[in-house]
Amino acid sequence: MKAYSPLRIINDSKQHLQASRVSYFPHLFSGVWLGFKIMYLGLTSIFHAFVPAWFEGDAPLGVANLFYRKVYNHPNPAFQQHIKAEREAAEAAAQGRTPA
């Protein structure tokens, strides 16, 4: 992580919020909610690893739901570029070839 001055943090945060088409408080609440949701899914995955009958499918289905509801159609162009690259890499791997 880079060293930031307070002014740069403010400017970079504004740019991120504009690119994501969201204001500060909805971004804050969504980030906190997603963080706790991801921690919950991580714990369910660990419990499921030890006892396969517990939380069957909760973690992978929860991750898929979060991805498709919160990330897949995200308005931030940088996110869309990354999603496209990951999708292409996954398709290449599924076909047994090295991604471009």
PDB file of N, CA and C in Angstrom:
ATOM      1  N   MET A   1       0.840  -1.180   0.000  1.00  0.00           N
ATOM      2  CA  MET A   1       0.000   0.000   0.000  1.00  0.00           C
ATOM      3  C   MET A   1       0.882   1.240   0.000  1.00  0.00           C
ATOM      4  N   LYS A   2       0.492   2.222  -0.756  1.00  0.00           N
ATOM      5  CA  LYS A   2       1.248   3.458  -0.875  1.00  0.00           C
ATOM      6  C   LYS A   2       1.040   4.336   0.349  1.00  0.00           C
ATOM      7  N   ALA A   3       2.028   5.210   0.588  1.00  0.00           N
ATOM      8  CA  ALA A   3       1.862   6.220   1.636  1.00  0.00           C
ATOM      9  C   ALA A   3       1.000   7.340   1.059  1.00  0.00           C
ATOM     10  N   TYR A   4      -0.007   7.727   1.786  1.00  0.00           N
ATOM     11  CA  TYR A   4      -0.935   8.752   1.315  1.00  0.00           C
ATOM     12  C   TYR A   4      -0.950   9.949   2.247  1.00  0.00           C
ATOM     13  N   SER A   5      -1.056  11.121   1.644  1.00  0.00           N
ATOM     14  CA  SER A   5      -1.311  12.324   2.430  1.00  0.00           C
ATOM     15  C   SER A   5      -2.818  12.397   2.637  1.00  0.00           C
ATOM     16  N   PRO A   6      -3.269  13.119   3.660  1.00  0.00           N
ATOM     17  CA  PRO A   6      -4.722  13.233   3.880  1.00  0.00           C
ATOM     18  C   PRO A   6      -5.466  13.773   2.656  1.00  0.00           C
ATOM     19  N   LEU A   7      -4.883  14.728   1.957  1.00  0.00           N
ATOM     20  CA  LEU A   7      -5.543  15.290   0.782  1.00  0.00           C
ATOM     21  C   LEU A   7      -5.652  14.255  -0.333  1.00  0.00           C
ATOM     22  N   ARG A   8      -4.606  13.477  -0.517  1.00  0.00           N
ATOM     23  CA  ARG A   8      -4.650  12.448  -1.553  1.00  0.00           C
ATOM     24  C   ARG A   8      -5.683  11.377  -1.208  1.00  0.00           C
ATOM     25  N   ILE A   9      -5.787  11.016   0.060  1.00  0.00           N
ATOM     26  CA  ILE A   9      -6.792  10.032   0.473  1.00  0.00           C
ATOM     27  C   ILE A   9      -8.189  10.532   0.125  1.00  0.00           C
ATOM     28  N   ILE A  10      -8.450  11.793   0.406  1.00  0.00           N
ATOM     29  CA  ILE A  10      -9.766  12.378   0.104  1.00  0.00           C
ATOM     30  C   ILE A  10     -10.019  12.369  -1.394  1.00  0.00           C
ATOM     31  N   ASN A  11      -9.034  12.826  -2.177  1.00  0.00           N
ATOM     32  CA  ASN A  11      -9.206  12.878  -3.631  1.00  0.00           C
ATOM     33  C   ASN A  11      -9.376  11.486  -4.239  1.00  0.00           C
ATOM     34  N   ASP A  12      -8.547  10.530  -3.812  1.00  0.00           N
ATOM     35  CA  ASP A  12      -8.670   9.167  -4.329  1.00  0.00           C
ATOM     36  C   ASP A  12     -10.001   8.539  -3.928  1.00  0.00           C
ATOM     37  N   SER A  13     -10.464   8.832  -2.724  1.00  0.00           N
ATOM     38  CA  SER A  13     -11.761   8.311  -2.272  1.00  0.00           C
ATOM     39  C   SER A  13     -12.890   8.892  -3.109  1.00  0.00           C
ATOM     40  N   LYS A  14     -12.840  10.184  -3.391  1.00  0.00           N
ATOM     41  CA  LYS A  14     -13.866  10.810  -4.231  1.00  0.00           C
ATOM     42  C   LYS A  14     -13.884  10.198  -5.624  1.00  0.00           C
ATOM     43  N   GLN A  15     -12.701   9.979  -6.183  1.00  0.00           N
ATOM     44  CA  GLN A  15     -12.626   9.370  -7.517  1.00  0.00           C
ATOM     45  C   GLN A  15     -13.206   7.961  -7.514  1.00  0.00           C
ATOM     46  N   HIS A  16     -12.884   7.187  -6.476  1.00  0.00           N
ATOM     47  CA  HIS A  16     -13.413   5.827  -6.376  1.00  0.00           C
ATOM     48  C   HIS A  16     -14.942   5.844  -6.263  1.00  0.00           C
ATOM     49  N   LEU A  17     -15.472   6.721  -5.427  1.00  0.00           N
ATOM     50  CA  LEU A  17     -16.926   6.804  -5.256  1.00  0.00           C
ATOM     51  C   LEU A  17     -17.605   7.242  -6.549  1.00  0.00           C
ATOM     52  N   GLN A  18     -16.999   8.188  -7.269  1.00  0.00           N
ATOM     53  CA  GLN A  18     -17.575   8.624  -8.545  1.00  0.00           C
ATOM     54  C   GLN A  18     -17.555   7.499  -9.569  1.00  0.00           C
ATOM     55  N   ALA A  19     -16.421   6.775  -9.660  1.00  0.00           N
ATOM     56  CA  ALA A  19     -16.318   5.667 -10.616  1.00  0.00           C
ATOM     57  C   ALA A  19     -17.312   4.559 -10.272  1.00  0.00           C
ATOM     58  N   SER A  20     -17.561   4.387  -8.989  1.00  0.00           N
ATOM     59  CA  SER A  20     -18.494   3.348  -8.536  1.00  0.00           C
ATOM     60  C   SER A  20     -19.941   3.822  -8.516  1.00  0.00           C
ATOM     61  N   ARG A  21     -20.155   5.106  -8.783  1.00  0.00           N
ATOM     62  CA  ARG A  21     -21.492   5.711  -8.820  1.00  0.00           C
ATOM     63  C   ARG A  21     -22.256   5.501  -7.519  1.00  0.00           C
ATOM     64  N   VAL A  22     -21.581   5.799  -6.406  1.00  0.00           N
ATOM     65  CA  VAL A  22     -22.199   5.644  -5.096  1.00  0.00           C
ATOM     66  C   VAL A  22     -21.687   6.755  -4.188  1.00  0.00           C
ATOM     67  N   SER A  23     -22.497   7.165  -3.229  1.00  0.00           N
ATOM     68  CA  SER A  23     -22.062   8.173  -2.270  1.00  0.00           C
ATOM     69  C   SER A  23     -21.425   7.485  -1.060  1.00  0.00           C
ATOM     70  N   TYR A  24     -20.859   8.287  -0.183  1.00  0.00           N
ATOM     71  CA  TYR A  24     -20.034   7.754   0.897  1.00  0.00           C
ATOM     72  C   TYR A  24     -20.763   6.781   1.824  1.00  0.00           C
ATOM     73  N   PHE A  25     -21.895   7.188   2.384  1.00  0.00           N
ATOM     74  CA  PHE A  25     -22.541   6.342   3.389  1.00  0.00           C
ATOM     75  C   PHE A  25     -23.101   5.033   2.827  1.00  0.00           C
ATOM     76  N   PRO A  26     -23.738   5.035   1.662  1.00  0.00           N
ATOM     77  CA  PRO A  26     -24.120   3.731   1.103  1.00  0.00           C
ATOM     78  C   PRO A  26     -22.898   2.834   0.845  1.00  0.00           C
ATOM     79  N   HIS A  27     -21.790   3.435   0.410  1.00  0.00           N
ATOM     80  CA  HIS A  27     -20.550   2.683   0.202  1.00  0.00           C
ATOM     81  C   HIS A  27     -20.055   2.118   1.532  1.00  0.00           C
ATOM     82  N   LEU A  28     -20.081   2.930   2.567  1.00  0.00           N
ATOM     83  CA  LEU A  28     -19.643   2.508   3.897  1.00  0.00           C
ATOM     84  C   LEU A  28     -20.487   1.332   4.398  1.00  0.00           C
ATOM     85  N   PHE A  29     -21.800   1.496   4.366  1.00  0.00           N
ATOM     86  CA  PHE A  29     -22.683   0.458   4.885  1.00  0.00           C
ATOM     87  C   PHE A  29     -22.573  -0.830   4.060  1.00  0.00           C
ATOM     88  N   SER A  30     -22.486  -0.695   2.751  1.00  0.00           N
ATOM     89  CA  SER A  30     -22.356  -1.864   1.898  1.00  0.00           C
ATOM     90  C   SER A  30     -21.037  -2.586   2.174  1.00  0.00           C
ATOM     91  N   GLY A  31     -19.956  -1.835   2.311  1.00  0.00           N
ATOM     92  CA  GLY A  31     -18.653  -2.433   2.590  1.00  0.00           C
ATOM     93  C   GLY A  31     -18.613  -3.164   3.915  1.00  0.00           C
ATOM     94  N   VAL A  32     -19.202  -2.570   4.931  1.00  0.00           N
ATOM     95  CA  VAL A  32     -19.233  -3.223   6.250  1.00  0.00           C
ATOM     96  C   VAL A  32     -20.097  -4.477   6.186  1.00  0.00           C
ATOM     97  N   TRP A  33     -21.268  -4.375   5.559  1.00  0.00           N
ATOM     98  CA  TRP A  33     -22.155  -5.535   5.438  1.00  0.00           C
ATOM     99  C   TRP A  33     -21.471  -6.652   4.667  1.00  0.00           C
ATOM    100  N   LEU A  34     -20.845  -6.311   3.522  1.00  0.00           N
ATOM    101  CA  LEU A  34     -20.164  -7.327   2.723  1.00  0.00           C
ATOM    102  C   LEU A  34     -19.013  -7.967   3.488  1.00  0.00           C
ATOM    103  N   GLY A  35     -18.272  -7.167   4.238  1.00  0.00           N
ATOM    104  CA  GLY A  35     -17.170  -7.709   5.025  1.00  0.00           C
ATOM    105  C   GLY A  35     -17.638  -8.733   6.035  1.00  0.00           C
ATOM    106  N   PHE A  36     -18.704  -8.425   6.756  1.00  0.00           N
ATOM    107  CA  PHE A  36     -19.242  -9.383   7.724  1.00  0.00           C
ATOM    108  C   PHE A  36     -19.831 -10.612   7.031  1.00  0.00           C
ATOM    109  N   LYS A  37     -20.480 -10.406   5.907  1.00  0.00           N
ATOM    110  CA  LYS A  37     -21.047 -11.527   5.155  1.00  0.00           C
ATOM    111  C   LYS A  37     -19.931 -12.465   4.693  1.00  0.00           C
ATOM    112  N   ILE A  38     -18.833 -11.903   4.202  1.00  0.00           N
ATOM    113  CA  ILE A  38     -17.706 -12.719   3.743  1.00  0.00           C
ATOM    114  C   ILE A  38     -17.069 -13.460   4.913  1.00  0.00           C
ATOM    115  N   MET A  39     -16.960 -12.817   6.064  1.00  0.00           N
ATOM    116  CA  MET A  39     -16.425 -13.511   7.240  1.00  0.00           C
ATOM    117  C   MET A  39     -17.337 -14.672   7.635  1.00  0.00           C
ATOM    118  N   TYR A  40     -18.650 -14.449   7.607  1.00  0.00           N
ATOM    119  CA  TYR A  40     -19.609 -15.507   7.915  1.00  0.00           C
ATOM    120  C   TYR A  40     -19.438 -16.677   6.945  1.00  0.00           C
ATOM    121  N   LEU A  41     -19.326 -16.366   5.658  1.00  0.00           N
ATOM    122  CA  LEU A  41     -19.167 -17.430   4.664  1.00  0.00           C
ATOM    123  C   LEU A  41     -17.852 -18.183   4.871  1.00  0.00           C
ATOM    124  N   GLY A  42     -16.812 -17.469   5.261  1.00  0.00           N
ATOM    125  CA  GLY A  42     -15.544 -18.131   5.559  1.00  0.00           C
ATOM    126  C   GLY A  42     -15.669 -19.092   6.723  1.00  0.00           C
ATOM    127  N   LEU A  43     -16.355 -18.661   7.761  1.00  0.00           N
ATOM    128  CA  LEU A  43     -16.562 -19.543   8.919  1.00  0.00           C
ATOM    129  C   LEU A  43     -17.410 -20.765   8.563  1.00  0.00           C
ATOM    130  N   THR A  44     -18.450 -20.560   7.772  1.00  0.00           N
ATOM    131  CA  THR A  44     -19.274 -21.704   7.379  1.00  0.00           C
ATOM    132  C   THR A  44     -18.459 -22.692   6.546  1.00  0.00           C
ATOM    133  N   SER A  45     -17.553 -22.176   5.732  1.00  0.00           N
ATOM    134  CA  SER A  45     -16.703 -23.053   4.935  1.00  0.00           C
ATOM    135  C   SER A  45     -15.769 -23.882   5.821  1.00  0.00           C
ATOM    136  N   ILE A  46     -15.208 -23.254   6.848  1.00  0.00           N
ATOM    137  CA  ILE A  46     -14.324 -23.963   7.775  1.00  0.00           C
ATOM    138  C   ILE A  46     -15.105 -25.029   8.547  1.00  0.00           C
ATOM    139  N   PHE A  47     -16.286 -24.664   9.064  1.00  0.00           N
ATOM    140  CA  PHE A  47     -17.099 -25.643   9.787  1.00  0.00           C
ATOM    141  C   PHE A  47     -17.479 -26.805   8.872  1.00  0.00           C
ATOM    142  N   HIS A  48     -17.851 -26.466   7.634  1.00  0.00           N
ATOM    143  CA  HIS A  48     -18.237 -27.497   6.669  1.00  0.00           C
ATOM    144  C   HIS A  48     -17.064 -28.432   6.361  1.00  0.00           C
ATOM    145  N   ALA A  49     -15.854 -27.897   6.343  1.00  0.00           N
ATOM    146  CA  ALA A  49     -14.681 -28.738   6.082  1.00  0.00           C
ATOM    147  C   ALA A  49     -14.534 -29.825   7.143  1.00  0.00           C
ATOM    148  N   PHE A  50     -14.818 -29.477   8.392  1.00  0.00           N
ATOM    149  CA  PHE A  50     -14.700 -30.446   9.484  1.00  0.00           C
ATOM    150  C   PHE A  50     -15.907 -31.383   9.578  1.00  0.00           C
ATOM    151  N   VAL A  51     -17.090 -30.808   9.333  1.00  0.00           N
ATOM    152  CA  VAL A  51     -18.323 -31.612   9.425  1.00  0.00           C
ATOM    153  C   VAL A  51     -19.122 -31.356   8.140  1.00  0.00           C
ATOM    154  N   PRO A  52     -18.948 -32.214   7.135  1.00  0.00           N
ATOM    155  CA  PRO A  52     -19.587 -31.977   5.837  1.00  0.00           C
ATOM    156  C   PRO A  52     -21.107 -31.823   5.864  1.00  0.00           C
ATOM    157  N   ALA A  53     -21.751 -32.300   6.899  1.00  0.00           N
ATOM    158  CA  ALA A  53     -23.212 -32.166   6.979  1.00  0.00           C
ATOM    159  C   ALA A  53     -23.635 -30.746   7.363  1.00  0.00           C
ATOM    160  N   TRP A  54     -22.711 -29.976   7.929  1.00  0.00           N
ATOM    161  CA  TRP A  54     -23.038 -28.609   8.357  1.00  0.00           C
ATOM    162  C   TRP A  54     -22.800 -27.623   7.221  1.00  0.00           C
ATOM    163  N   PHE A  55     -23.697 -26.672   7.060  1.00  0.00           N
ATOM    164  CA  PHE A  55     -23.572 -25.557   6.112  1.00  0.00           C
ATOM    165  C   PHE A  55     -23.299 -26.036   4.688  1.00  0.00           C
ATOM    166  N   GLU A  56     -23.933 -27.115   4.306  1.00  0.00           N
ATOM    167  CA  GLU A  56     -23.710 -27.692   2.987  1.00  0.00           C
ATOM    168  C   GLU A  56     -24.101 -26.702   1.885  1.00  0.00           C
ATOM    169  N   GLY A  57     -23.147 -26.268   1.130  1.00  0.00           N
ATOM    170  CA  GLY A  57     -23.371 -25.353   0.018  1.00  0.00           C
ATOM    171  C   GLY A  57     -23.470 -23.887   0.396  1.00  0.00           C
ATOM    172  N   ASP A  58     -23.500 -23.558   1.681  1.00  0.00           N
ATOM    173  CA  ASP A  58     -23.674 -22.157   2.084  1.00  0.00           C
ATOM    174  C   ASP A  58     -22.570 -21.253   1.540  1.00  0.00           C
ATOM    175  N   ALA A  59     -21.321 -21.672   1.697  1.00  0.00           N
ATOM    176  CA  ALA A  59     -20.202 -20.807   1.290  1.00  0.00           C
ATOM    177  C   ALA A  59     -20.145 -20.607  -0.222  1.00  0.00           C
ATOM    178  N   PRO A  60     -20.130 -21.666  -1.038  1.00  0.00           N
ATOM    179  CA  PRO A  60     -20.022 -21.415  -2.479  1.00  0.00           C
ATOM    180  C   PRO A  60     -21.237 -20.687  -3.055  1.00  0.00           C
ATOM    181  N   LEU A  61     -22.426 -21.041  -2.570  1.00  0.00           N
ATOM    182  CA  LEU A  61     -23.617 -20.345  -3.070  1.00  0.00           C
ATOM    183  C   LEU A  61     -23.653 -18.900  -2.592  1.00  0.00           C
ATOM    184  N   GLY A  62     -23.217 -18.666  -1.362  1.00  0.00           N
ATOM    185  CA  GLY A  62     -23.169 -17.297  -0.837  1.00  0.00           C
ATOM    186  C   GLY A  62     -22.181 -16.435  -1.595  1.00  0.00           C
ATOM    187  N   VAL A  63     -21.024 -16.982  -1.921  1.00  0.00           N
ATOM    188  CA  VAL A  63     -20.029 -16.239  -2.695  1.00  0.00           C
ATOM    189  C   VAL A  63     -20.569 -15.932  -4.093  1.00  0.00           C
ATOM    190  N   ALA A  64     -21.182 -16.929  -4.719  1.00  0.00           N
ATOM    191  CA  ALA A  64     -21.762 -16.714  -6.051  1.00  0.00           C
ATOM    192  C   ALA A  64     -22.841 -15.636  -6.005  1.00  0.00           C
ATOM    193  N   ASN A  65     -23.703 -15.674  -4.984  1.00  0.00           N
ATOM    194  CA  ASN A  65     -24.747 -14.644  -4.857  1.00  0.00           C
ATOM    195  C   ASN A  65     -24.142 -13.262  -4.690  1.00  0.00           C
ATOM    196  N   LEU A  66     -23.142 -13.145  -3.822  1.00  0.00           N
ATOM    197  CA  LEU A  66     -22.494 -11.838  -3.632  1.00  0.00           C
ATOM    198  C   LEU A  66     -21.876 -11.351  -4.928  1.00  0.00           C
ATOM    199  N   PHE A  67     -21.187 -12.238  -5.621  1.00  0.00           N
ATOM    200  CA  PHE A  67     -20.537 -11.839  -6.869  1.00  0.00           C
ATOM    201  C   PHE A  67     -21.552 -11.328  -7.887  1.00  0.00           C
ATOM    202  N   TYR A  68     -22.593 -12.107  -8.134  1.00  0.00           N
ATOM    203  CA  TYR A  68     -23.543 -11.718  -9.178  1.00  0.00           C
ATOM    204  C   TYR A  68     -24.444 -10.552  -8.769  1.00  0.00           C
ATOM    205  N   ARG A  69     -24.698 -10.362  -7.485  1.00  0.00           N
ATOM    206  CA  ARG A  69     -25.567  -9.265  -7.055  1.00  0.00           C
ATOM    207  C   ARG A  69     -24.810  -7.967  -6.785  1.00  0.00           C
ATOM    208  N   LYS A  70     -23.528  -8.068  -6.402  1.00  0.00           N
ATOM    209  CA  LYS A  70     -22.794  -6.866  -5.999  1.00  0.00           C
ATOM    210  C   LYS A  70     -21.635  -6.500  -6.914  1.00  0.00           C
ATOM    211  N   VAL A  71     -21.069  -7.467  -7.622  1.00  0.00           N
ATOM    212  CA  VAL A  71     -19.839  -7.193  -8.363  1.00  0.00           C
ATOM    213  C   VAL A  71     -20.012  -7.302  -9.869  1.00  0.00           C
ATOM    214  N   TYR A  72     -20.687  -8.317 -10.338  1.00  0.00           N
ATOM    215  CA  TYR A  72     -20.726  -8.646 -11.760  1.00  0.00           C
ATOM    216  C   TYR A  72     -21.141  -7.459 -12.635  1.00  0.00           C
ATOM    217  N   ASN A  73     -22.149  -6.739 -12.261  1.00  0.00           N
ATOM    218  CA  ASN A  73     -22.609  -5.585 -13.037  1.00  0.00           C
ATOM    219  C   ASN A  73     -22.217  -4.260 -12.391  1.00  0.00           C
ATOM    220  N   HIS A  74     -21.108  -4.274 -11.679  1.00  0.00           N
ATOM    221  CA  HIS A  74     -20.645  -3.069 -10.983  1.00  0.00           C
ATOM    222  C   HIS A  74     -20.342  -1.972 -12.000  1.00  0.00           C
ATOM    223  N   PRO A  75     -20.725  -0.731 -11.710  1.00  0.00           N
ATOM    224  CA  PRO A  75     -20.520   0.344 -12.682  1.00  0.00           C
ATOM    225  C   PRO A  75     -19.065   0.811 -12.820  1.00  0.00           C
ATOM    226  N   ASN A  76     -18.186   0.450 -11.885  1.00  0.00           N
ATOM    227  CA  ASN A  76     -16.798   0.905 -11.941  1.00  0.00           C
ATOM    228  C   ASN A  76     -16.086   0.234 -13.125  1.00  0.00           C
ATOM    229  N   PRO A  77     -15.579   1.025 -14.089  1.00  0.00           N
ATOM    230  CA  PRO A  77     -14.925   0.451 -15.270  1.00  0.00           C
ATOM    231  C   PRO A  77     -13.713  -0.423 -14.931  1.00  0.00           C
ATOM    232  N   ALA A  78     -12.971  -0.073 -13.895  1.00  0.00           N
ATOM    233  CA  ALA A  78     -11.812  -0.874 -13.504  1.00  0.00           C
ATOM    234  C   ALA A  78     -12.258  -2.260 -13.042  1.00  0.00           C
ATOM    235  N   PHE A  79     -13.360  -2.326 -12.332  1.00  0.00           N
ATOM    236  CA  PHE A  79     -13.888  -3.613 -11.885  1.00  0.00           C
ATOM    237  C   PHE A  79     -14.339  -4.435 -13.085  1.00  0.00           C
ATOM    238  N   GLN A  80     -15.025  -3.791 -14.039  1.00  0.00           N
ATOM    239  CA  GLN A  80     -15.501  -4.496 -15.224  1.00  0.00           C
ATOM    240  C   GLN A  80     -14.338  -5.052 -16.036  1.00  0.00           C
ATOM    241  N   GLN A  81     -13.257  -4.299 -16.129  1.00  0.00           N
ATOM    242  CA  GLN A  81     -12.075  -4.755 -16.858  1.00  0.00           C
ATOM    243  C   GLN A  81     -11.476  -5.995 -16.173  1.00  0.00           C
ATOM    244  N   HIS A  82     -11.399  -5.954 -14.857  1.00  0.00           N
ATOM    245  CA  HIS A  82     -10.864  -7.085 -14.098  1.00  0.00           C
ATOM    246  C   HIS A  82     -11.778  -8.309 -14.229  1.00  0.00           C
ATOM    247  N   ILE A  83     -13.077  -8.113 -14.153  1.00  0.00           N
ATOM    248  CA  ILE A  83     -14.032  -9.213 -14.277  1.00  0.00           C
ATOM    249  C   ILE A  83     -13.903  -9.857 -15.659  1.00  0.00           C
ATOM    250  N   LYS A  84     -13.770  -9.034 -16.700  1.00  0.00           N
ATOM    251  CA  LYS A  84     -13.618  -9.563 -18.054  1.00  0.00           C
ATOM    252  C   LYS A  84     -12.355 -10.414 -18.158  1.00  0.00           C
ATOM    253  N   ALA A  85     -11.246  -9.934 -17.617  1.00  0.00           N
ATOM    254  CA  ALA A  85      -9.985 -10.685 -17.668  1.00  0.00           C
ATOM    255  C   ALA A  85     -10.092 -12.005 -16.909  1.00  0.00           C
ATOM    256  N   GLU A  86     -10.738 -11.975 -15.747  1.00  0.00           N
ATOM    257  CA  GLU A  86     -10.910 -13.203 -14.965  1.00  0.00           C
ATOM    258  C   GLU A  86     -11.824 -14.197 -15.672  1.00  0.00           C
ATOM    259  N   ARG A  87     -12.869 -13.694 -16.307  1.00  0.00           N
ATOM    260  CA  ARG A  87     -13.783 -14.568 -17.047  1.00  0.00           C
ATOM    261  C   ARG A  87     -13.044 -15.240 -18.203  1.00  0.00           C
ATOM    262  N   GLU A  88     -12.224 -14.467 -18.928  1.00  0.00           N
ATOM    263  CA  GLU A  88     -11.456 -15.026 -20.035  1.00  0.00           C
ATOM    264  C   GLU A  88     -10.453 -16.064 -19.535  1.00  0.00           C
ATOM    265  N   ALA A  89      -9.798 -15.795 -18.404  1.00  0.00           N
ATOM    266  CA  ALA A  89      -8.844 -16.752 -17.834  1.00  0.00           C
ATOM    267  C   ALA A  89      -9.551 -18.033 -17.405  1.00  0.00           C
ATOM    268  N   ALA A  90     -10.731 -17.900 -16.809  1.00  0.00           N
ATOM    269  CA  ALA A  90     -11.494 -19.080 -16.385  1.00  0.00           C
ATOM    270  C   ALA A  90     -11.937 -19.900 -17.590  1.00  0.00           C
ATOM    271  N   GLU A  91     -12.382 -19.237 -18.645  1.00  0.00           N
ATOM    272  CA  GLU A  91     -12.795 -19.947 -19.860  1.00  0.00           C
ATOM    273  C   GLU A  91     -11.607 -20.660 -20.493  1.00  0.00           C
ATOM    274  N   ALA A  92     -10.448 -20.010 -20.505  1.00  0.00           N
ATOM    275  CA  ALA A  92      -9.246 -20.626 -21.065  1.00  0.00           C
ATOM    276  C   ALA A  92      -8.845 -21.849 -20.241  1.00  0.00           C
ATOM    277  N   ALA A  93      -8.896 -21.724 -18.920  1.00  0.00           N
ATOM    278  CA  ALA A  93      -8.544 -22.850 -18.063  1.00  0.00           C
ATOM    279  C   ALA A  93      -9.509 -24.021 -18.257  1.00  0.00           C
ATOM    280  N   ALA A  94     -10.780 -23.710 -18.431  1.00  0.00           N
ATOM    281  CA  ALA A  94     -11.770 -24.768 -18.631  1.00  0.00           C
ATOM    282  C   ALA A  94     -11.541 -25.517 -19.940  1.00  0.00           C
ATOM    283  N   GLN A  95     -10.948 -24.826 -20.895  1.00  0.00           N
ATOM    284  CA  GLN A  95     -10.662 -25.442 -22.199  1.00  0.00           C
ATOM    285  C   GLN A  95      -9.255 -26.038 -22.243  1.00  0.00           C
ATOM    286  N   GLY A  96      -8.535 -25.941 -21.115  1.00  0.00           N
ATOM    287  CA  GLY A  96      -7.209 -26.518 -21.032  1.00  0.00           C
ATOM    288  C   GLY A  96      -6.129 -25.727 -21.737  1.00  0.00           C
ATOM    289  N   ARG A  97      -6.340 -24.436 -21.911  1.00  0.00           N
ATOM    290  CA  ARG A  97      -5.313 -23.613 -22.549  1.00  0.00           C
ATOM    291  C   ARG A  97      -4.881 -22.494 -21.635  1.00  0.00           C
ATOM    292  N   THR A  98      -3.745 -21.913 -21.931  1.00  0.00           N
ATOM    293  CA  THR A  98      -3.212 -20.816 -21.126  1.00  0.00           C
ATOM    294  C   THR A  98      -3.899 -19.519 -21.543  1.00  0.00           C
ATOM    295  N   PRO A  99      -4.349 -18.716 -20.568  1.00  0.00           N
ATOM    296  CA  PRO A  99      -5.019 -17.455 -20.936  1.00  0.00           C
ATOM    297  C   PRO A  99      -4.053 -16.499 -21.617  1.00  0.00           C
ATOM    298  N   ALA A 100      -4.599 -15.653 -22.464  1.00  0.00           N
ATOM    299  CA  ALA A 100      -3.792 -14.665 -23.212  1.00  0.00           C
ATOM    300  C   ALA A 100      -3.302 -13.556 -22.321  1.00  0.00           C
TER     301      ALA A 100
END
